[in-house]
Amino acid sequence: MSDAGEEAVVAAYKSDPWVRLAPWVCTIGLFVVWEIAVRVLGVPYYILPAPSSVAYAAYEFAGGLAENSLQTLWTTVAGFLLAIVFGLALGLFIGWDRRIYAGLYPLMIGFNSIPKVAVVPILVLWVGTGWLPAVLTAFLISFFPIVVNVATGLATIEPEMEDVLRALGAKKLDIMTKVGIPRSLPYFFGSLKVAITLAFIGSVMSETVAANAGVGHMMLTAQANFEVPLVFACLIALAIEGIVMYAVMAWLEKRMTGWAHRSGFNR
């Protein structure tokens, strides 16, 4: 497509109000269809509660829902930040040399293949119950995407480019800092969007097993009390938190790596 054609597409994208309204229309439409289907089909509330019942449960337990949502949010963010620090460091180390990459990458695949729900009981034995297993589980489950993307961004530098830079007098450190790390930034910030959603999964997974607070614990208690609308309210609260954090990561990706994308869509 020519530059003029691309500019026309971008202008249409920005001028079309339905592009901005589409997420809201689809979300509201989903809840409307859900409400109508439950009422028309007469589905019992203990199988699938209507959105109105879920909203009432959220209002009735608003205090506890807000408190437990904040608990889950902070454990998730804490584990996610740990994953960023250690994942970035390990990714840089693995991607530094192709031999290191070839040696450690299979181990990372094996580590990621272990179901994290099987790791939670081990974490309980090591650190006890409470918020710490949730933080560690969020860290473990969101760690791998960051490592892999950073290492891949470094390890896939073209050999020809390295040869040219070495011929010009560049050292390994120069190649990595001037070419490798900037090249891996789009991979890194792209991985954050995946990692933050996985961190929520890890945190809630641990809260259902080894915590006395958090949305996962609240869901388990609501399930035991047969409060099905409250269970769905907890799920929606998690979805909202996940969407907000994903949007934050997408905004960071756009701001930090806008140069790596088509300029028209990042203006």
Protein backbone atom coordinates (compact mmCIF):
# COMPACT_ATOMS: atom_id res chain seq x y z
CA MET A 1 0.00 0.00 0.00
CA SER A 2 1.29 3.47 -0.85
CA ASP A 3 1.91 6.12 1.80
CA ALA A 4 -1.15 8.05 0.62
CA GLY A 5 -3.30 4.93 0.87
CA GLU A 6 -2.01 4.17 4.36
CA GLU A 7 -2.70 7.73 5.48
CA ALA A 8 -6.27 7.40 4.16
CA VAL A 9 -6.78 4.19 6.15
CA VAL A 10 -5.41 5.81 9.30
CA ALA A 11 -7.65 8.86 8.83
CA ALA A 12 -10.70 6.63 8.41
CA TYR A 13 -9.71 4.66 11.49
CA LYS A 14 -9.47 7.79 13.59
CA SER A 15 -12.61 9.45 12.22
CA ASP A 16 -14.89 6.41 12.63
CA PRO A 17 -16.65 6.75 16.02
CA TRP A 18 -17.74 3.12 15.92
CA VAL A 19 -14.14 2.03 16.37
CA ARG A 20 -14.07 3.62 19.81
CA LEU A 21 -17.63 2.58 20.66
CA ALA A 22 -17.29 -1.02 19.50
CA PRO A 23 -15.91 -2.42 22.81
CA TRP A 24 -18.72 -0.82 24.81
CA VAL A 25 -21.40 -1.88 22.34
CA CYS A 26 -20.18 -5.49 22.34
CA THR A 27 -19.88 -5.62 26.14
CA ILE A 28 -23.31 -4.13 26.79
CA GLY A 29 -24.79 -6.33 24.08
CA LEU A 30 -23.31 -9.42 25.71
CA PHE A 31 -24.91 -8.60 29.06
CA VAL A 32 -28.25 -7.78 27.43
CA VAL A 33 -28.30 -11.09 25.54
CA TRP A 34 -27.24 -12.91 28.71
CA GLU A 35 -30.06 -11.31 30.74
CA ILE A 36 -32.71 -12.03 28.11
CA ALA A 37 -31.56 -15.62 27.56
CA VAL A 38 -31.60 -16.44 31.28
CA ARG A 39 -35.08 -14.99 31.76
CA VAL A 40 -36.60 -16.46 28.60
CA LEU A 41 -35.13 -19.93 29.12
CA GLY A 42 -35.80 -19.89 32.86
CA VAL A 43 -32.26 -20.92 33.80
CA PRO A 44 -31.93 -21.40 37.58
CA TYR A 45 -29.71 -18.88 39.33
CA TYR A 46 -27.50 -21.62 40.75
CA ILE A 47 -26.57 -22.70 37.20
CA LEU A 48 -26.29 -19.33 35.46
CA PRO A 49 -27.42 -16.19 37.30
CA ALA A 50 -28.68 -13.22 35.31
CA PRO A 51 -26.47 -10.11 35.12
CA SER A 52 -29.01 -8.28 37.27
CA SER A 53 -28.54 -10.91 40.02
CA VAL A 54 -24.78 -10.63 39.65
CA ALA A 55 -24.97 -6.84 39.91
CA TYR A 56 -27.12 -7.10 43.04
CA ALA A 57 -24.64 -9.53 44.61
CA ALA A 58 -21.79 -7.16 43.77
CA TYR A 59 -23.73 -4.32 45.42
CA GLU A 60 -24.63 -6.42 48.46
CA PHE A 61 -21.05 -7.56 49.03
CA ALA A 62 -19.41 -4.41 47.66
CA GLY A 63 -17.17 -3.88 50.69
CA GLY A 64 -15.78 -7.40 50.76
CA LEU A 65 -15.50 -7.54 46.98
CA ALA A 66 -13.53 -4.30 46.84
CA GLU A 67 -11.23 -5.35 49.69
CA ASN A 68 -10.50 -8.76 48.21
CA SER A 69 -10.08 -7.30 44.71
CA LEU A 70 -7.43 -4.91 46.01
CA GLN A 71 -5.72 -7.81 47.76
CA THR A 72 -5.59 -9.80 44.52
CA LEU A 73 -4.47 -6.74 42.58
CA TRP A 74 -1.50 -6.01 44.80
CA THR A 75 -0.33 -9.62 45.00
CA THR A 76 -0.62 -9.85 41.21
CA VAL A 77 1.28 -6.62 40.61
CA ALA A 78 3.96 -7.62 43.15
CA GLY A 79 4.52 -10.96 41.44
CA PHE A 80 4.43 -9.29 38.04
CA LEU A 81 7.08 -6.73 39.03
CA LEU A 82 9.31 -9.54 40.31
CA ALA A 83 8.80 -11.33 36.99
CA ILE A 84 9.84 -8.18 35.11
CA VAL A 85 13.06 -7.75 37.12
CA PHE A 86 14.20 -11.37 37.07
CA GLY A 87 12.74 -12.14 33.64
CA LEU A 88 14.51 -9.20 32.05
CA ALA A 89 17.82 -10.09 33.73
CA LEU A 90 17.63 -13.77 32.79
CA GLY A 91 16.43 -12.95 29.28
CA LEU A 92 19.44 -10.69 28.73
CA PHE A 93 21.74 -13.41 30.04
CA ILE A 94 20.25 -16.17 27.88
CA GLY A 95 20.16 -14.00 24.78
CA TRP A 96 23.72 -12.78 25.25
CA ASP A 97 25.24 -15.78 23.48
CA ARG A 98 23.71 -18.41 21.19
CA ARG A 99 25.41 -21.19 23.14
CA ILE A 100 23.81 -20.02 26.37
CA TYR A 101 20.50 -19.72 24.54
CA ALA A 102 20.79 -23.26 23.17
CA GLY A 103 21.74 -24.66 26.57
CA LEU A 104 19.16 -22.98 28.82
CA TYR A 105 16.16 -22.65 26.52
CA PRO A 106 15.17 -26.34 26.82
CA LEU A 107 15.31 -26.00 30.61
CA MET A 108 12.98 -22.99 30.41
CA ILE A 109 10.56 -24.99 28.27
CA GLY A 110 10.60 -27.79 30.82
CA PHE A 111 10.01 -25.35 33.68
CA ASN A 112 7.11 -23.73 31.90
CA SER A 113 5.57 -27.13 31.15
CA ILE A 114 5.09 -27.84 34.87
CA PRO A 115 1.49 -26.96 35.87
CA LYS A 116 1.79 -24.13 38.37
CA VAL A 117 -1.15 -25.48 40.35
CA ALA A 118 1.13 -28.40 41.24
CA VAL A 119 3.74 -25.95 42.53
CA VAL A 120 1.39 -24.18 44.97
CA PRO A 121 1.47 -26.97 47.61
CA ILE A 122 5.27 -26.88 47.50
CA LEU A 123 5.22 -23.11 48.02
CA VAL A 124 2.91 -23.60 51.00
CA LEU A 125 5.42 -26.04 52.51
CA TRP A 126 8.23 -23.55 51.97
CA VAL A 127 6.66 -20.20 52.93
CA GLY A 128 3.34 -21.09 54.57
CA THR A 129 -0.10 -19.75 53.71
CA GLY A 130 -1.16 -16.14 53.14
CA TRP A 131 -0.22 -13.58 50.51
CA LEU A 132 3.31 -14.79 49.81
CA PRO A 133 2.36 -17.96 47.87
CA ALA A 134 0.05 -15.82 45.70
CA VAL A 135 2.89 -13.41 44.90
CA LEU A 136 5.28 -16.25 44.11
CA THR A 137 2.75 -18.08 41.94
CA ALA A 138 2.02 -14.89 40.00
CA PHE A 139 5.78 -14.46 39.57
CA LEU A 140 6.36 -18.03 38.38
CA ILE A 141 3.53 -18.06 35.87
CA SER A 142 4.33 -14.65 34.33
CA PHE A 143 8.10 -15.10 34.35
CA PHE A 144 8.46 -17.31 31.28
CA PRO A 145 6.94 -15.03 28.56
CA ILE A 146 9.24 -12.18 29.56
CA VAL A 147 12.37 -14.34 29.54
CA VAL A 148 11.55 -15.95 26.20
CA ASN A 149 10.70 -12.71 24.40
CA VAL A 150 13.75 -10.81 25.64
CA ALA A 151 16.08 -13.73 24.89
CA THR A 152 14.55 -14.18 21.44
CA GLY A 153 14.94 -10.50 20.64
CA LEU A 154 18.65 -10.68 21.48
CA ALA A 155 19.40 -14.09 19.99
CA THR A 156 17.86 -13.33 16.60
CA ILE A 157 20.27 -10.56 15.64
CA GLU A 158 21.37 -11.32 12.10
CA PRO A 159 24.90 -12.78 11.96
CA GLU A 160 25.64 -10.54 8.99
CA MET A 161 24.84 -7.46 11.07
CA GLU A 162 27.13 -8.66 13.85
CA ASP A 163 29.92 -9.28 11.34
CA VAL A 164 29.56 -5.78 9.91
CA LEU A 165 29.55 -4.19 13.38
CA ARG A 166 32.61 -6.19 14.42
CA ALA A 167 34.37 -5.15 11.22
CA LEU A 168 33.65 -1.55 12.21
CA GLY A 169 35.32 -2.14 15.58
CA ALA A 170 32.27 -2.81 17.77
CA LYS A 171 32.65 -5.16 20.73
CA LYS A 172 30.07 -7.64 22.00
CA LEU A 173 28.88 -5.19 24.65
CA ASP A 174 28.50 -2.46 22.04
CA ILE A 175 26.46 -4.74 19.78
CA MET A 176 24.14 -5.71 22.61
CA THR A 177 23.62 -2.23 24.03
CA LYS A 178 23.34 -0.41 20.68
CA VAL A 179 21.49 -3.05 18.64
CA GLY A 180 20.40 -6.05 20.69
CA ILE A 181 18.63 -4.36 23.59
CA PRO A 182 16.78 -1.77 21.45
CA ARG A 183 15.78 -4.60 19.12
CA SER A 184 14.38 -6.64 22.01
CA LEU A 185 12.31 -3.80 23.47
CA PRO A 186 9.23 -4.47 21.27
CA TYR A 187 9.45 -8.14 22.29
CA PHE A 188 9.76 -7.15 25.95
CA PHE A 189 6.87 -4.71 26.09
CA GLY A 190 4.74 -7.03 23.98
CA SER A 191 5.37 -9.83 26.49
CA LEU A 192 4.16 -7.65 29.37
CA LYS A 193 0.60 -7.77 27.99
CA VAL A 194 0.68 -11.56 28.10
CA ALA A 195 2.49 -11.75 31.43
CA ILE A 196 0.08 -9.50 33.36
CA THR A 197 -2.93 -11.62 32.43
CA LEU A 198 -1.05 -14.78 33.40
CA ALA A 199 -0.08 -13.15 36.71
CA PHE A 200 -3.76 -12.78 37.61
CA ILE A 201 -4.29 -16.47 36.88
CA GLY A 202 -1.41 -17.43 39.15
CA SER A 203 -2.49 -15.17 41.97
CA VAL A 204 -6.10 -16.38 41.97
CA MET A 205 -4.98 -19.99 41.61
CA SER A 206 -2.93 -19.67 44.79
CA GLU A 207 -5.67 -17.80 46.65
CA THR A 208 -8.07 -20.71 46.14
CA VAL A 209 -5.58 -23.04 47.82
CA ALA A 210 -3.40 -21.20 50.31
CA ALA A 211 -4.81 -17.78 51.21
CA ASN A 212 -7.29 -16.27 53.62
CA ALA A 213 -8.01 -13.20 51.47
CA GLY A 214 -8.30 -12.24 47.83
CA VAL A 215 -10.83 -12.80 45.07
CA GLY A 216 -9.89 -16.48 44.75
CA HIS A 217 -10.56 -17.06 48.45
CA MET A 218 -13.81 -15.10 48.23
CA MET A 219 -14.94 -17.22 45.27
CA LEU A 220 -14.19 -20.40 47.21
CA THR A 221 -16.18 -19.15 50.20
CA ALA A 222 -19.08 -18.05 47.99
CA GLN A 223 -19.10 -21.43 46.29
CA ALA A 224 -19.23 -23.19 49.65
CA ASN A 225 -22.19 -20.99 50.66
CA PHE A 226 -23.90 -21.57 47.30
CA GLU A 227 -23.73 -17.85 46.48
CA VAL A 228 -23.42 -18.38 42.73
CA PRO A 229 -24.16 -14.73 41.75
CA LEU A 230 -21.31 -13.65 44.02
CA VAL A 231 -18.98 -16.11 42.28
CA PHE A 232 -19.83 -14.49 38.95
CA ALA A 233 -19.38 -11.03 40.50
CA CYS A 234 -15.87 -12.08 41.53
CA LEU A 235 -15.16 -13.29 37.99
CA ILE A 236 -16.32 -9.99 36.53
CA ALA A 237 -14.18 -8.07 39.04
CA LEU A 238 -11.17 -10.11 37.93
CA ALA A 239 -12.01 -9.44 34.28
CA ILE A 240 -12.17 -5.70 34.92
CA GLU A 241 -8.83 -5.70 36.73
CA GLY A 242 -7.26 -7.75 33.94
CA ILE A 243 -8.57 -5.43 31.23
CA VAL A 244 -7.32 -2.34 33.07
CA MET A 245 -3.84 -3.78 33.60
CA TYR A 246 -3.69 -5.02 30.01
CA ALA A 247 -4.62 -1.52 28.83
CA VAL A 248 -1.83 -0.06 30.96
CA MET A 249 0.70 -2.47 29.44
CA ALA A 250 -0.58 -1.72 25.92
CA TRP A 251 -0.21 2.01 26.61
CA LEU A 252 3.36 1.49 27.82
CA GLU A 253 4.13 -0.59 24.74
CA LYS A 254 2.78 2.12 22.48
CA ARG A 255 4.70 4.89 24.26
CA MET A 256 7.99 3.05 24.62
CA THR A 257 8.14 1.20 21.29
CA GLY A 258 6.06 3.38 18.97
CA TRP A 259 9.07 3.63 16.68
CA ALA A 260 8.83 -0.10 15.97
CA HIS A 261 5.27 0.09 14.65
CA ARG A 262 3.63 1.82 11.75
CA SER A 263 3.81 5.50 12.49
CA GLY A 264 0.29 6.21 11.35
CA PHE A 265 -1.30 4.05 14.00
CA ASN A 266 0.74 5.50 16.81
CA ARG A 267 0.14 9.17 16.33
